[in-house]
Amino acid sequence: MKLKEHSGVMLAWTAALHTVVGIIVYWQSIIDIANDGFINAVEPQLHADRAATFWFLFFGVLLFMLACLMNWLIRVKGEDVPKFVGVHLLALSLIGVFFIPVSGFWLVIPQAVILIRR
C-alpha cells in the first residue's frame, strides 16, 4: 500500500493536532477574545497574542481543508495529488522551520516528500 494514498488522512491528523495544540497553548487568548465579543477582538496593534492565536487556529483550519480536498481527490476521484502540492507544502514547511525551529512544521516535511516522490 502506498503512503500517498493516505496523504490526505495524514495531513488531516496533522491539522487536528495543530488545532488542539493551539487551543491548549492559546487558551487564555481564546477566552479574552470571547470575553470581548469576538467581533473586532483581534487587533494586532493592541493584542499581538490574540493575533497569534487567530493565525495559529486559522492555519489549522486551512490545513484541514487542504487535507479534505486531498482525501477527496484520492478517494472519490481516484487521482493522485499533484506533485506541486507537495512542493508547496515542503517550501512552506522549510520556511516555517527556518523562522520557528521549535514547531510542528517538521511534521509536514515527510508528508510533503511523500507527495513529491513518484
Protein backbone atom coordinates (compact mmCIF):
# COMPACT_ATOMS: atom_id res chain seq x y z
CA MET A 1 0.00 0.00 0.00
CA LYS A 2 1.36 3.40 -0.98
CA LEU A 3 1.77 6.12 1.61
CA LYS A 4 0.49 8.62 -0.96
CA GLU A 5 -2.95 7.05 -0.70
CA HIS A 6 -3.05 8.14 2.94
CA SER A 7 -1.57 11.60 2.50
CA GLY A 8 -4.91 13.37 2.94
CA VAL A 9 -5.62 11.50 6.16
CA MET A 10 -2.09 12.11 7.48
CA LEU A 11 -2.40 15.83 6.78
CA ALA A 12 -5.85 15.89 8.43
CA TRP A 13 -4.34 14.39 11.60
CA THR A 14 -1.56 16.96 11.47
CA ALA A 15 -4.14 19.75 11.14
CA ALA A 16 -6.18 18.35 14.03
CA LEU A 17 -3.09 18.07 16.23
CA HIS A 18 -2.11 21.62 15.26
CA THR A 19 -5.54 22.93 16.24
CA VAL A 20 -5.65 21.04 19.55
CA VAL A 21 -2.19 22.32 20.47
CA GLY A 22 -3.32 25.83 19.54
CA ILE A 23 -6.36 25.58 21.79
CA ILE A 24 -4.20 24.38 24.69
CA VAL A 25 -1.39 26.91 24.20
CA TYR A 26 -3.63 29.89 23.45
CA TRP A 27 -6.47 29.08 25.83
CA GLN A 28 -6.25 32.38 27.71
CA SER A 29 -6.23 34.42 24.50
CA ILE A 30 -9.27 32.50 23.25
CA ILE A 31 -11.08 33.37 26.49
CA ASP A 32 -10.05 37.03 26.14
CA ILE A 33 -11.33 37.12 22.54
CA ALA A 34 -14.63 35.55 23.64
CA ASN A 35 -14.97 37.97 26.57
CA ASP A 36 -14.56 40.87 24.15
CA GLY A 37 -17.38 39.52 21.98
CA PHE A 38 -15.30 38.07 19.10
CA ILE A 39 -16.08 40.91 16.66
CA ASN A 40 -13.04 43.17 16.31
CA ALA A 41 -11.48 41.47 19.34
CA VAL A 42 -8.28 40.65 17.47
CA GLU A 43 -6.49 43.92 16.84
CA PRO A 44 -2.86 43.09 16.02
CA GLN A 45 -1.64 46.53 17.09
CA LEU A 46 -3.21 46.12 20.53
CA HIS A 47 -3.14 42.35 21.07
CA ALA A 48 -0.25 40.52 19.44
CA ASP A 49 -1.14 37.40 21.46
CA ARG A 50 -4.65 37.37 20.04
CA ALA A 51 -3.35 37.82 16.51
CA ALA A 52 -1.01 34.87 17.02
CA THR A 53 -3.94 32.86 18.37
CA PHE A 54 -6.12 33.71 15.39
CA TRP A 55 -3.48 32.84 12.79
CA PHE A 56 -2.44 29.66 14.56
CA LEU A 57 -6.01 28.34 14.68
CA PHE A 58 -6.91 29.70 11.24
CA PHE A 59 -3.91 27.92 9.71
CA GLY A 60 -5.08 24.67 11.31
CA VAL A 61 -8.47 25.07 9.66
CA LEU A 62 -6.91 25.85 6.26
CA LEU A 63 -4.58 22.86 6.59
CA PHE A 64 -7.57 20.65 7.39
CA MET A 65 -9.42 22.00 4.35
CA LEU A 66 -6.42 21.11 2.15
CA ALA A 67 -6.32 17.64 3.73
CA CYS A 68 -10.02 17.10 2.97
CA LEU A 69 -9.50 18.21 -0.62
CA MET A 70 -6.55 15.83 -0.98
CA ASN A 71 -8.54 12.98 0.55
CA TRP A 72 -11.46 13.65 -1.82
CA LEU A 73 -9.14 13.74 -4.80
CA ILE A 74 -7.59 10.40 -3.82
CA ARG A 75 -10.65 8.51 -2.59
CA VAL A 76 -13.52 9.89 -4.68
CA LYS A 77 -11.80 10.90 -7.91
CA GLY A 78 -9.14 8.19 -7.81
CA GLU A 79 -6.46 10.72 -8.74
CA ASP A 80 -3.02 11.38 -7.34
CA VAL A 81 -2.43 14.64 -5.52
CA PRO A 82 -0.45 16.83 -7.91
CA LYS A 83 3.27 16.98 -7.21
CA PHE A 84 3.15 20.79 -6.90
CA VAL A 85 1.07 20.43 -3.72
CA GLY A 86 3.94 18.52 -2.13
CA VAL A 87 6.45 21.08 -3.41
CA HIS A 88 4.43 23.93 -1.90
CA LEU A 89 3.98 22.08 1.41
CA LEU A 90 7.72 21.40 1.52
CA ALA A 91 8.57 25.05 0.81
CA LEU A 92 6.07 26.25 3.41
CA SER A 93 7.43 23.81 5.99
CA LEU A 94 11.06 24.68 5.34
CA ILE A 95 10.32 28.39 5.65
CA GLY A 96 8.40 27.68 8.86
CA VAL A 97 11.25 25.60 10.28
CA PHE A 98 13.70 28.37 9.41
CA PHE A 99 11.73 31.00 11.33
CA ILE A 100 10.30 28.78 14.09
CA PRO A 101 12.59 25.76 14.58
CA VAL A 102 10.71 24.52 17.65
CA SER A 103 7.40 23.95 15.91
CA GLY A 104 5.18 21.44 14.19
CA PHE A 105 6.44 22.39 10.73
CA TRP A 106 8.76 19.40 10.99
CA LEU A 107 5.71 17.09 10.83
CA VAL A 108 4.77 18.28 7.35
CA ILE A 109 8.20 17.79 5.76
CA PRO A 110 7.96 13.98 5.48
CA GLN A 111 4.38 14.29 4.24
CA ALA A 112 5.49 16.73 1.54
CA VAL A 113 8.31 14.39 0.48
CA ILE A 114 5.81 11.53 0.15
CA LEU A 115 3.70 13.67 -2.20
CA ILE A 116 6.72 14.72 -4.27
CA ARG A 117 8.10 11.21 -4.78
CA ARG A 118 6.80 9.29 -7.76
